[in-house]
Amino acid sequence: MSQCALIYNHKEDFASQAEILSRPLCGCLATTLRACGCQAIYIAGEPCPACDGAEWIETDFSGTPSVFSTLSGFDTALVFFESLPALTRATVGKLLAAGTALLADEH
């Protein structure tokens, strides 16, 4: 199953300015997501240089559907409206498994 994640990185959110061990929070979250099997990671809003391999989506945060249309080719998509430094691999794994289970129930 293909999995992806979208991280909103709004310049006015405190989390977009914060760092852990001199690394932006969105980079920490992207590393966790990649370790859990997300094949694609998208950053919406401000680019994050610490998110190696993540694709940047320019947006004005007006709720434009085109931001979410990027995720349509994947079986499971996680959307984060801010970077969550306490999010662990175990929690992301459970979120991805829950999404996979929901998809299996729909078929």
PDB file of N, CA and C in Angstrom:
ATOM      1  N   MET A   1       0.846  -1.179   0.000  1.00  0.00           N
ATOM      2  CA  MET A   1       0.000   0.000   0.000  1.00  0.00           C
ATOM      3  C   MET A   1       0.889   1.239   0.000  1.00  0.00           C
ATOM      4  N   SER A   2       0.508   2.208  -0.795  1.00  0.00           N
ATOM      5  CA  SER A   2       1.297   3.436  -0.856  1.00  0.00           C
ATOM      6  C   SER A   2       0.825   4.423   0.214  1.00  0.00           C
ATOM      7  N   GLN A   3       1.789   5.043   0.869  1.00  0.00           N
ATOM      8  CA  GLN A   3       1.502   5.947   1.976  1.00  0.00           C
ATOM      9  C   GLN A   3       2.250   7.260   1.782  1.00  0.00           C
ATOM     10  N   CYS A   4       1.592   8.351   2.157  1.00  0.00           N
ATOM     11  CA  CYS A   4       2.235   9.651   2.068  1.00  0.00           C
ATOM     12  C   CYS A   4       1.823  10.512   3.256  1.00  0.00           C
ATOM     13  N   ALA A   5       2.457  11.655   3.376  1.00  0.00           N
ATOM     14  CA  ALA A   5       2.132  12.585   4.456  1.00  0.00           C
ATOM     15  C   ALA A   5       2.232  14.008   3.935  1.00  0.00           C
ATOM     16  N   LEU A   6       1.392  14.859   4.486  1.00  0.00           N
ATOM     17  CA  LEU A   6       1.396  16.285   4.183  1.00  0.00           C
ATOM     18  C   LEU A   6       1.599  17.028   5.501  1.00  0.00           C
ATOM     19  N   ILE A   7       2.609  17.886   5.555  1.00  0.00           N
ATOM     20  CA  ILE A   7       2.896  18.673   6.746  1.00  0.00           C
ATOM     21  C   ILE A   7       2.661  20.140   6.409  1.00  0.00           C
ATOM     22  N   TYR A   8       1.738  20.775   7.137  1.00  0.00           N
ATOM     23  CA  TYR A   8       1.543  22.215   6.979  1.00  0.00           C
ATOM     24  C   TYR A   8       2.650  22.920   7.751  1.00  0.00           C
ATOM     25  N   ASN A   9       3.338  23.824   7.102  1.00  0.00           N
ATOM     26  CA  ASN A   9       4.437  24.557   7.721  1.00  0.00           C
ATOM     27  C   ASN A   9       4.184  26.049   7.516  1.00  0.00           C
ATOM     28  N   HIS A  10       3.304  26.602   8.324  1.00  0.00           N
ATOM     29  CA  HIS A  10       2.904  27.999   8.209  1.00  0.00           C
ATOM     30  C   HIS A  10       3.903  28.871   8.967  1.00  0.00           C
ATOM     31  N   LYS A  11       4.408  29.906   8.328  1.00  0.00           N
ATOM     32  CA  LYS A  11       5.460  30.736   8.930  1.00  0.00           C
ATOM     33  C   LYS A  11       5.013  31.444  10.211  1.00  0.00           C
ATOM     34  N   GLU A  12       3.718  31.606  10.420  1.00  0.00           N
ATOM     35  CA  GLU A  12       3.240  32.277  11.625  1.00  0.00           C
ATOM     36  C   GLU A  12       3.009  31.309  12.789  1.00  0.00           C
ATOM     37  N   ASP A  13       3.103  30.024  12.555  1.00  0.00           N
ATOM     38  CA  ASP A  13       2.967  29.036  13.626  1.00  0.00           C
ATOM     39  C   ASP A  13       4.286  28.926  14.380  1.00  0.00           C
ATOM     40  N   PHE A  14       4.195  28.864  15.686  1.00  0.00           N
ATOM     41  CA  PHE A  14       5.398  28.748  16.509  1.00  0.00           C
ATOM     42  C   PHE A  14       6.227  27.530  16.114  1.00  0.00           C
ATOM     43  N   ALA A  15       5.570  26.422  15.858  1.00  0.00           N
ATOM     44  CA  ALA A  15       6.282  25.171  15.565  1.00  0.00           C
ATOM     45  C   ALA A  15       7.154  25.282  14.317  1.00  0.00           C
ATOM     46  N   SER A  16       6.767  26.122  13.361  1.00  0.00           N
ATOM     47  CA  SER A  16       7.570  26.231  12.144  1.00  0.00           C
ATOM     48  C   SER A  16       8.897  26.935  12.418  1.00  0.00           C
ATOM     49  N   GLN A  17       8.987  27.663  13.514  1.00  0.00           N
ATOM     50  CA  GLN A  17      10.209  28.370  13.876  1.00  0.00           C
ATOM     51  C   GLN A  17      11.077  27.567  14.846  1.00  0.00           C
ATOM     52  N   ALA A  18      10.496  26.565  15.493  1.00  0.00           N
ATOM     53  CA  ALA A  18      11.188  25.837  16.555  1.00  0.00           C
ATOM     54  C   ALA A  18      12.152  24.797  15.997  1.00  0.00           C
ATOM     55  N   GLU A  19      13.118  24.442  16.831  1.00  0.00           N
ATOM     56  CA  GLU A  19      14.116  23.448  16.453  1.00  0.00           C
ATOM     57  C   GLU A  19      14.343  22.472  17.597  1.00  0.00           C
ATOM     58  N   ILE A  20      14.782  21.276  17.242  1.00  0.00           N
ATOM     59  CA  ILE A  20      15.256  20.285  18.201  1.00  0.00           C
ATOM     60  C   ILE A  20      16.665  19.927  17.762  1.00  0.00           C
ATOM     61  N   LEU A  21      17.617  20.108  18.662  1.00  0.00           N
ATOM     62  CA  LEU A  21      19.031  19.838  18.355  1.00  0.00           C
ATOM     63  C   LEU A  21      19.460  20.539  17.065  1.00  0.00           C
ATOM     64  N   SER A  22      19.094  21.804  16.956  1.00  0.00           N
ATOM     65  CA  SER A  22      19.450  22.666  15.810  1.00  0.00           C
ATOM     66  C   SER A  22      18.846  22.194  14.493  1.00  0.00           C
ATOM     67  N   ARG A  23      17.757  21.456  14.565  1.00  0.00           N
ATOM     68  CA  ARG A  23      17.077  20.978  13.353  1.00  0.00           C
ATOM     69  C   ARG A  23      15.618  21.387  13.420  1.00  0.00           C
ATOM     70  N   PRO A  24      15.064  21.979  12.342  1.00  0.00           N
ATOM     71  CA  PRO A  24      13.656  22.388  12.358  1.00  0.00           C
ATOM     72  C   PRO A  24      12.728  21.218  12.659  1.00  0.00           C
ATOM     73  N   LEU A  25      11.645  21.513  13.388  1.00  0.00           N
ATOM     74  CA  LEU A  25      10.696  20.466  13.774  1.00  0.00           C
ATOM     75  C   LEU A  25      10.131  19.707  12.580  1.00  0.00           C
ATOM     76  N   CYS A  26       9.857  20.419  11.484  1.00  0.00           N
ATOM     77  CA  CYS A  26       9.285  19.716  10.331  1.00  0.00           C
ATOM     78  C   CYS A  26      10.265  18.672   9.800  1.00  0.00           C
ATOM     79  N   GLY A  27      11.563  18.903   9.941  1.00  0.00           N
ATOM     80  CA  GLY A  27      12.562  17.918   9.533  1.00  0.00           C
ATOM     81  C   GLY A  27      12.527  16.683  10.416  1.00  0.00           C
ATOM     82  N   CYS A  28      12.321  16.900  11.720  1.00  0.00           N
ATOM     83  CA  CYS A  28      12.211  15.773  12.656  1.00  0.00           C
ATOM     84  C   CYS A  28      10.985  14.920  12.333  1.00  0.00           C
ATOM     85  N   LEU A  29       9.861  15.585  12.074  1.00  0.00           N
ATOM     86  CA  LEU A  29       8.642  14.857  11.731  1.00  0.00           C
ATOM     87  C   LEU A  29       8.810  14.106  10.407  1.00  0.00           C
ATOM     88  N   ALA A  30       9.423  14.744   9.426  1.00  0.00           N
ATOM     89  CA  ALA A  30       9.628  14.088   8.127  1.00  0.00           C
ATOM     90  C   ALA A  30      10.499  12.840   8.270  1.00  0.00           C
ATOM     91  N   THR A  31      11.519  12.898   9.112  1.00  0.00           N
ATOM     92  CA  THR A  31      12.376  11.734   9.345  1.00  0.00           C
ATOM     93  C   THR A  31      11.573  10.587   9.958  1.00  0.00           C
ATOM     94  N   THR A  32      10.729  10.898  10.929  1.00  0.00           N
ATOM     95  CA  THR A  32       9.890   9.874  11.564  1.00  0.00           C
ATOM     96  C   THR A  32       8.931   9.258  10.551  1.00  0.00           C
ATOM     97  N   LEU A  33       8.319  10.097   9.725  1.00  0.00           N
ATOM     98  CA  LEU A  33       7.364   9.607   8.726  1.00  0.00           C
ATOM     99  C   LEU A  33       8.045   8.701   7.703  1.00  0.00           C
ATOM    100  N   ARG A  34       9.225   9.097   7.265  1.00  0.00           N
ATOM    101  CA  ARG A  34       9.951   8.282   6.294  1.00  0.00           C
ATOM    102  C   ARG A  34      10.356   6.932   6.901  1.00  0.00           C
ATOM    103  N   ALA A  35      10.752   6.952   8.162  1.00  0.00           N
ATOM    104  CA  ALA A  35      11.132   5.709   8.850  1.00  0.00           C
ATOM    105  C   ALA A  35       9.947   4.759   8.991  1.00  0.00           C
ATOM    106  N   CYS A  36       8.738   5.307   8.959  1.00  0.00           N
ATOM    107  CA  CYS A  36       7.525   4.484   9.090  1.00  0.00           C
ATOM    108  C   CYS A  36       6.968   4.034   7.744  1.00  0.00           C
ATOM    109  N   GLY A  37       7.645   4.371   6.671  1.00  0.00           N
ATOM    110  CA  GLY A  37       7.238   3.853   5.374  1.00  0.00           C
ATOM    111  C   GLY A  37       6.512   4.812   4.453  1.00  0.00           C
ATOM    112  N   CYS A  38       6.418   6.079   4.805  1.00  0.00           N
ATOM    113  CA  CYS A  38       5.781   7.047   3.886  1.00  0.00           C
ATOM    114  C   CYS A  38       6.680   7.222   2.669  1.00  0.00           C
ATOM    115  N   GLN A  39       6.147   6.896   1.507  1.00  0.00           N
ATOM    116  CA  GLN A  39       6.932   7.001   0.281  1.00  0.00           C
ATOM    117  C   GLN A  39       7.106   8.444  -0.174  1.00  0.00           C
ATOM    118  N   ALA A  40       6.144   9.288   0.138  1.00  0.00           N
ATOM    119  CA  ALA A  40       6.214  10.690  -0.279  1.00  0.00           C
ATOM    120  C   ALA A  40       5.832  11.584   0.893  1.00  0.00           C
ATOM    121  N   ILE A  41       6.554  12.684   1.026  1.00  0.00           N
ATOM    122  CA  ILE A  41       6.258  13.671   2.050  1.00  0.00           C
ATOM    123  C   ILE A  41       6.165  15.024   1.366  1.00  0.00           C
ATOM    124  N   TYR A  42       5.075  15.728   1.657  1.00  0.00           N
ATOM    125  CA  TYR A  42       4.841  17.046   1.074  1.00  0.00           C
ATOM    126  C   TYR A  42       4.835  18.087   2.186  1.00  0.00           C
ATOM    127  N   ILE A  43       5.446  19.222   1.931  1.00  0.00           N
ATOM    128  CA  ILE A  43       5.459  20.342   2.856  1.00  0.00           C
ATOM    129  C   ILE A  43       4.633  21.453   2.216  1.00  0.00           C
ATOM    130  N   ALA A  44       3.555  21.853   2.883  1.00  0.00           N
ATOM    131  CA  ALA A  44       2.687  22.921   2.366  1.00  0.00           C
ATOM    132  C   ALA A  44       3.008  24.215   3.100  1.00  0.00           C
ATOM    133  N   GLY A  45       3.223  25.267   2.355  1.00  0.00           N
ATOM    134  CA  GLY A  45       3.513  26.569   2.949  1.00  0.00           C
ATOM    135  C   GLY A  45       4.973  26.926   2.803  1.00  0.00           C
ATOM    136  N   GLU A  46       5.648  27.100   3.933  1.00  0.00           N
ATOM    137  CA  GLU A  46       7.056  27.476   3.928  1.00  0.00           C
ATOM    138  C   GLU A  46       7.930  26.258   3.646  1.00  0.00           C
ATOM    139  N   PRO A  47       8.885  26.372   2.740  1.00  0.00           N
ATOM    140  CA  PRO A  47       9.798  25.250   2.513  1.00  0.00           C
ATOM    141  C   PRO A  47      10.593  24.940   3.775  1.00  0.00           C
ATOM    142  N   CYS A  48      10.987  23.711   3.923  1.00  0.00           N
ATOM    143  CA  CYS A  48      11.784  23.289   5.079  1.00  0.00           C
ATOM    144  C   CYS A  48      13.056  22.633   4.555  1.00  0.00           C
ATOM    145  N   PRO A  49      14.194  23.315   4.669  1.00  0.00           N
ATOM    146  CA  PRO A  49      15.434  22.747   4.127  1.00  0.00           C
ATOM    147  C   PRO A  49      15.872  21.457   4.813  1.00  0.00           C
ATOM    148  N   ALA A  50      15.358  21.193   6.008  1.00  0.00           N
ATOM    149  CA  ALA A  50      15.748  19.983   6.738  1.00  0.00           C
ATOM    150  C   ALA A  50      14.956  18.754   6.299  1.00  0.00           C
ATOM    151  N   CYS A  51      13.981  18.926   5.411  1.00  0.00           N
ATOM    152  CA  CYS A  51      13.145  17.808   4.946  1.00  0.00           C
ATOM    153  C   CYS A  51      13.703  17.280   3.632  1.00  0.00           C
ATOM    154  N   ASP A  52      14.772  16.531   3.723  1.00  0.00           N
ATOM    155  CA  ASP A  52      15.398  15.978   2.522  1.00  0.00           C
ATOM    156  C   ASP A  52      14.409  15.118   1.746  1.00  0.00           C
ATOM    157  N   GLY A  53      14.278  15.381   0.470  1.00  0.00           N
ATOM    158  CA  GLY A  53      13.417  14.580  -0.383  1.00  0.00           C
ATOM    159  C   GLY A  53      11.944  14.922  -0.316  1.00  0.00           C
ATOM    160  N   ALA A  54      11.564  15.871   0.534  1.00  0.00           N
ATOM    161  CA  ALA A  54      10.153  16.272   0.609  1.00  0.00           C
ATOM    162  C   ALA A  54       9.851  17.257  -0.516  1.00  0.00           C
ATOM    163  N   GLU A  55       8.648  17.156  -1.024  1.00  0.00           N
ATOM    164  CA  GLU A  55       8.228  18.061  -2.095  1.00  0.00           C
ATOM    165  C   GLU A  55       7.481  19.243  -1.484  1.00  0.00           C
ATOM    166  N   TRP A  56       7.837  20.442  -1.897  1.00  0.00           N
ATOM    167  CA  TRP A  56       7.229  21.656  -1.380  1.00  0.00           C
ATOM    168  C   TRP A  56       6.007  22.015  -2.220  1.00  0.00           C
ATOM    169  N   ILE A  57       4.892  22.324  -1.542  1.00  0.00           N
ATOM    170  CA  ILE A  57       3.669  22.768  -2.208  1.00  0.00           C
ATOM    171  C   ILE A  57       3.397  24.197  -1.762  1.00  0.00           C
ATOM    172  N   GLU A  58       3.425  25.120  -2.690  1.00  0.00           N
ATOM    173  CA  GLU A  58       3.146  26.514  -2.354  1.00  0.00           C
ATOM    174  C   GLU A  58       1.647  26.681  -2.140  1.00  0.00           C
ATOM    175  N   THR A  59       1.263  27.346  -1.037  1.00  0.00           N
ATOM    176  CA  THR A  59      -0.150  27.550  -0.733  1.00  0.00           C
ATOM    177  C   THR A  59      -0.318  28.815   0.094  1.00  0.00           C
ATOM    178  N   ASP A  60      -1.497  29.400   0.030  1.00  0.00           N
ATOM    179  CA  ASP A  60      -1.800  30.560   0.871  1.00  0.00           C
ATOM    180  C   ASP A  60      -2.662  30.156   2.067  1.00  0.00           C
ATOM    181  N   PHE A  61      -2.822  28.865   2.294  1.00  0.00           N
ATOM    182  CA  PHE A  61      -3.574  28.295   3.422  1.00  0.00           C
ATOM    183  C   PHE A  61      -5.051  28.688   3.393  1.00  0.00           C
ATOM    184  N   SER A  62      -5.593  28.888   2.215  1.00  0.00           N
ATOM    185  CA  SER A  62      -7.006  29.253   2.093  1.00  0.00           C
ATOM    186  C   SER A  62      -7.913  28.030   1.978  1.00  0.00           C
ATOM    187  N   GLY A  63      -7.353  26.843   2.073  1.00  0.00           N
ATOM    188  CA  GLY A  63      -8.161  25.631   1.970  1.00  0.00           C
ATOM    189  C   GLY A  63      -8.345  25.171   0.534  1.00  0.00           C
ATOM    190  N   THR A  64      -7.475  25.605  -0.328  1.00  0.00           N
ATOM    191  CA  THR A  64      -7.562  25.239  -1.732  1.00  0.00           C
ATOM    192  C   THR A  64      -7.536  23.722  -1.888  1.00  0.00           C
ATOM    193  N   PRO A  65      -8.512  23.146  -2.574  1.00  0.00           N
ATOM    194  CA  PRO A  65      -8.541  21.690  -2.752  1.00  0.00           C
ATOM    195  C   PRO A  65      -7.315  21.134  -3.463  1.00  0.00           C
ATOM    196  N   SER A  66      -6.634  21.944  -4.264  1.00  0.00           N
ATOM    197  CA  SER A  66      -5.499  21.416  -5.014  1.00  0.00           C
ATOM    198  C   SER A  66      -4.379  20.918  -4.106  1.00  0.00           C
ATOM    199  N   VAL A  67      -4.275  21.439  -2.884  1.00  0.00           N
ATOM    200  CA  VAL A  67      -3.265  20.944  -1.951  1.00  0.00           C
ATOM    201  C   VAL A  67      -3.539  19.477  -1.637  1.00  0.00           C
ATOM    202  N   PHE A  68      -4.786  19.142  -1.385  1.00  0.00           N
ATOM    203  CA  PHE A  68      -5.140  17.765  -1.055  1.00  0.00           C
ATOM    204  C   PHE A  68      -5.195  16.868  -2.285  1.00  0.00           C
ATOM    205  N   SER A  69      -5.392  17.434  -3.460  1.00  0.00           N
ATOM    206  CA  SER A  69      -5.425  16.609  -4.663  1.00  0.00           C
ATOM    207  C   SER A  69      -4.069  15.959  -4.918  1.00  0.00           C
ATOM    208  N   THR A  70      -3.009  16.528  -4.381  1.00  0.00           N
ATOM    209  CA  THR A  70      -1.680  15.935  -4.497  1.00  0.00           C
ATOM    210  C   THR A  70      -1.639  14.563  -3.844  1.00  0.00           C
ATOM    211  N   LEU A  71      -2.471  14.356  -2.839  1.00  0.00           N
ATOM    212  CA  LEU A  71      -2.467  13.107  -2.072  1.00  0.00           C
ATOM    213  C   LEU A  71      -3.345  12.019  -2.675  1.00  0.00           C
ATOM    214  N   SER A  72      -4.081  12.343  -3.723  1.00  0.00           N
ATOM    215  CA  SER A  72      -5.103  11.430  -4.238  1.00  0.00           C
ATOM    216  C   SER A  72      -4.563  10.127  -4.816  1.00  0.00           C
ATOM    217  N   GLY A  73      -3.316  10.054  -5.202  1.00  0.00           N
ATOM    218  CA  GLY A  73      -2.784   8.832  -5.785  1.00  0.00           C
ATOM    219  C   GLY A  73      -2.292   7.814  -4.776  1.00  0.00           C
ATOM    220  N   PHE A  74      -2.470   8.089  -3.497  1.00  0.00           N
ATOM    221  CA  PHE A  74      -1.967   7.210  -2.441  1.00  0.00           C
ATOM    222  C   PHE A  74      -3.107   6.488  -1.746  1.00  0.00           C
ATOM    223  N   ASP A  75      -2.810   5.296  -1.226  1.00  0.00           N
ATOM    224  CA  ASP A  75      -3.818   4.529  -0.485  1.00  0.00           C
ATOM    225  C   ASP A  75      -4.096   5.150   0.880  1.00  0.00           C
ATOM    226  N   THR A  76      -3.036   5.611   1.553  1.00  0.00           N
ATOM    227  CA  THR A  76      -3.163   6.198   2.879  1.00  0.00           C
ATOM    228  C   THR A  76      -2.399   7.514   2.916  1.00  0.00           C
ATOM    229  N   ALA A  77      -3.028   8.542   3.458  1.00  0.00           N
ATOM    230  CA  ALA A  77      -2.377   9.852   3.583  1.00  0.00           C
ATOM    231  C   ALA A  77      -2.589  10.387   4.994  1.00  0.00           C
ATOM    232  N   LEU A  78      -1.517  10.834   5.611  1.00  0.00           N
ATOM    233  CA  LEU A  78      -1.588  11.486   6.913  1.00  0.00           C
ATOM    234  C   LEU A  78      -1.390  12.981   6.695  1.00  0.00           C
ATOM    235  N   VAL A  79      -2.185  13.804   7.365  1.00  0.00           N
ATOM    236  CA  VAL A  79      -2.072  15.250   7.247  1.00  0.00           C
ATOM    237  C   VAL A  79      -1.800  15.824   8.625  1.00  0.00           C
ATOM    238  N   PHE A  80      -0.740  16.599   8.725  1.00  0.00           N
ATOM    239  CA  PHE A  80      -0.354  17.229   9.985  1.00  0.00           C
ATOM    240  C   PHE A  80      -0.446  18.734   9.828  1.00  0.00           C
ATOM    241  N   PHE A  81      -1.206  19.369  10.694  1.00  0.00           N
ATOM    242  CA  PHE A  81      -1.383  20.815  10.607  1.00  0.00           C
ATOM    243  C   PHE A  81      -0.321  21.574  11.384  1.00  0.00           C
ATOM    244  N   GLU A  82       0.583  20.859  11.995  1.00  0.00           N
ATOM    245  CA  GLU A  82       1.773  21.441  12.598  1.00  0.00           C
ATOM    246  C   GLU A  82       2.759  20.313  12.848  1.00  0.00           C
ATOM    247  N   SER A  83       4.012  20.678  13.073  1.00  0.00           N
ATOM    248  CA  SER A  83       5.022  19.676  13.374  1.00  0.00           C
ATOM    249  C   SER A  83       4.864  19.239  14.816  1.00  0.00           C
ATOM    250  N   LEU A  84       4.889  17.952  15.032  1.00  0.00           N
ATOM    251  CA  LEU A  84       4.654  17.397  16.367  1.00  0.00           C
ATOM    252  C   LEU A  84       5.924  16.703  16.852  1.00  0.00           C
ATOM    253  N   PRO A  85       6.694  17.363  17.707  1.00  0.00           N
ATOM    254  CA  PRO A  85       7.983  16.793  18.110  1.00  0.00           C
ATOM    255  C   PRO A  85       7.862  15.535  18.963  1.00  0.00           C
ATOM    256  N   ALA A  86       6.748  15.337  19.648  1.00  0.00           N
ATOM    257  CA  ALA A  86       6.594  14.172  20.518  1.00  0.00           C
ATOM    258  C   ALA A  86       5.997  12.975  19.793  1.00  0.00           C
ATOM    259  N   LEU A  87       5.719  13.105  18.520  1.00  0.00           N
ATOM    260  CA  LEU A  87       5.137  12.006  17.756  1.00  0.00           C
ATOM    261  C   LEU A  87       6.198  10.930  17.536  1.00  0.00           C
ATOM    262  N   THR A  88       5.901   9.720  17.961  1.00  0.00           N
ATOM    263  CA  THR A  88       6.877   8.631  17.869  1.00  0.00           C
ATOM    264  C   THR A  88       6.599   7.744  16.656  1.00  0.00           C
ATOM    265  N   ARG A  89       7.566   6.910  16.332  1.00  0.00           N
ATOM    266  CA  ARG A  89       7.389   5.947  15.237  1.00  0.00           C
ATOM    267  C   ARG A  89       6.239   5.004  15.542  1.00  0.00           C
ATOM    268  N   ALA A  90       6.097   4.627  16.800  1.00  0.00           N
ATOM    269  CA  ALA A  90       5.010   3.718  17.185  1.00  0.00           C
ATOM    270  C   ALA A  90       3.648   4.352  16.910  1.00  0.00           C
ATOM    271  N   THR A  91       3.504   5.629  17.238  1.00  0.00           N
ATOM    272  CA  THR A  91       2.225   6.318  17.012  1.00  0.00           C
ATOM    273  C   THR A  91       1.947   6.470  15.525  1.00  0.00           C
ATOM    274  N   VAL A  92       2.963   6.857  14.752  1.00  0.00           N
ATOM    275  CA  VAL A  92       2.777   6.984  13.299  1.00  0.00           C
ATOM    276  C   VAL A  92       2.420   5.629  12.701  1.00  0.00           C
ATOM    277  N   GLY A  93       3.075   4.577  13.168  1.00  0.00           N
ATOM    278  CA  GLY A  93       2.754   3.227  12.691  1.00  0.00           C
ATOM    279  C   GLY A  93       1.303   2.867  12.961  1.00  0.00           C
ATOM    280  N   LYS A  94       0.799   3.232  14.133  1.00  0.00           N
ATOM    281  CA  LYS A  94      -0.602   2.961  14.468  1.00  0.00           C
ATOM    282  C   LYS A  94      -1.547   3.771  13.583  1.00  0.00           C
ATOM    283  N   LEU A  95      -1.188   5.023  13.309  1.00  0.00           N
ATOM    284  CA  LEU A  95      -2.023   5.852  12.428  1.00  0.00           C
ATOM    285  C   LEU A  95      -2.079   5.259  11.023  1.00  0.00           C
ATOM    286  N   LEU A  96      -0.930   4.837  10.511  1.00  0.00           N
ATOM    287  CA  LEU A  96      -0.894   4.234   9.179  1.00  0.00           C
ATOM    288  C   LEU A  96      -1.657   2.915   9.150  1.00  0.00           C
ATOM    289  N   ALA A  97      -1.516   2.107  10.196  1.00  0.00           N
ATOM    290  CA  ALA A  97      -2.243   0.832  10.264  1.00  0.00           C
ATOM    291  C   ALA A  97      -3.745   1.073  10.342  1.00  0.00           C
ATOM    292  N   ALA A  98      -4.156   2.092  11.088  1.00  0.00           N
ATOM    293  CA  ALA A  98      -5.586   2.405  11.187  1.00  0.00           C
ATOM    294  C   ALA A  98      -6.133   2.839   9.833  1.00  0.00           C
ATOM    295  N   GLY A  99      -5.369   3.625   9.102  1.00  0.00           N
ATOM    296  CA  GLY A  99      -5.804   4.046   7.768  1.00  0.00           C
ATOM    297  C   GLY A  99      -5.916   2.876   6.824  1.00  0.00           C
ATOM    298  N   THR A 100      -4.974   1.942   6.906  1.00  0.00           N
ATOM    299  CA  THR A 100      -5.008   0.743   6.072  1.00  0.00           C
ATOM    300  C   THR A 100      -6.214  -0.117   6.431  1.00  0.00           C
ATOM    301  N   ALA A 101      -6.508  -0.231   7.734  1.00  0.00           N
ATOM    302  CA  ALA A 101      -7.664  -1.019   8.171  1.00  0.00           C
ATOM    303  C   ALA A 101      -8.965  -0.397   7.681  1.00  0.00           C
ATOM    304  N   LEU A 102      -9.047   0.929   7.715  1.00  0.00           N
ATOM    305  CA  LEU A 102     -10.254   1.607   7.221  1.00  0.00           C
ATOM    306  C   LEU A 102     -10.444   1.354   5.741  1.00  0.00           C
ATOM    307  N   LEU A 103      -9.351   1.387   4.982  1.00  0.00           N
ATOM    308  CA  LEU A 103      -9.454   1.118   3.550  1.00  0.00           C
ATOM    309  C   LEU A 103      -9.905  -0.314   3.295  1.00  0.00           C
ATOM    310  N   ALA A 104      -9.402  -1.256   4.075  1.00  0.00           N
ATOM    311  CA  ALA A 104      -9.782  -2.669   3.905  1.00  0.00           C
ATOM    312  C   ALA A 104     -11.264  -2.863   4.207  1.00  0.00           C
ATOM    313  N   ASP A 105     -11.778  -2.134   5.192  1.00  0.00           N
ATOM    314  CA  ASP A 105     -13.201  -2.240   5.534  1.00  0.00           C
ATOM    315  C   ASP A 105     -14.106  -1.681   4.454  1.00  0.00           C
ATOM    316  N   GLU A 106     -13.598  -0.705   3.679  1.00  0.00           N
ATOM    317  CA  GLU A 106     -14.416  -0.088   2.635  1.00  0.00           C
ATOM    318  C   GLU A 106     -14.593  -1.019   1.438  1.00  0.00           C
ATOM    319  N   HIS A 107     -13.663  -1.964   1.248  1.00  0.00           N
ATOM    320  CA  HIS A 107     -13.731  -2.833   0.064  1.00  0.00           C
ATOM    321  C   HIS A 107     -14.504  -4.050   0.361  1.00  0.00           C
TER     322      HIS A 107
END
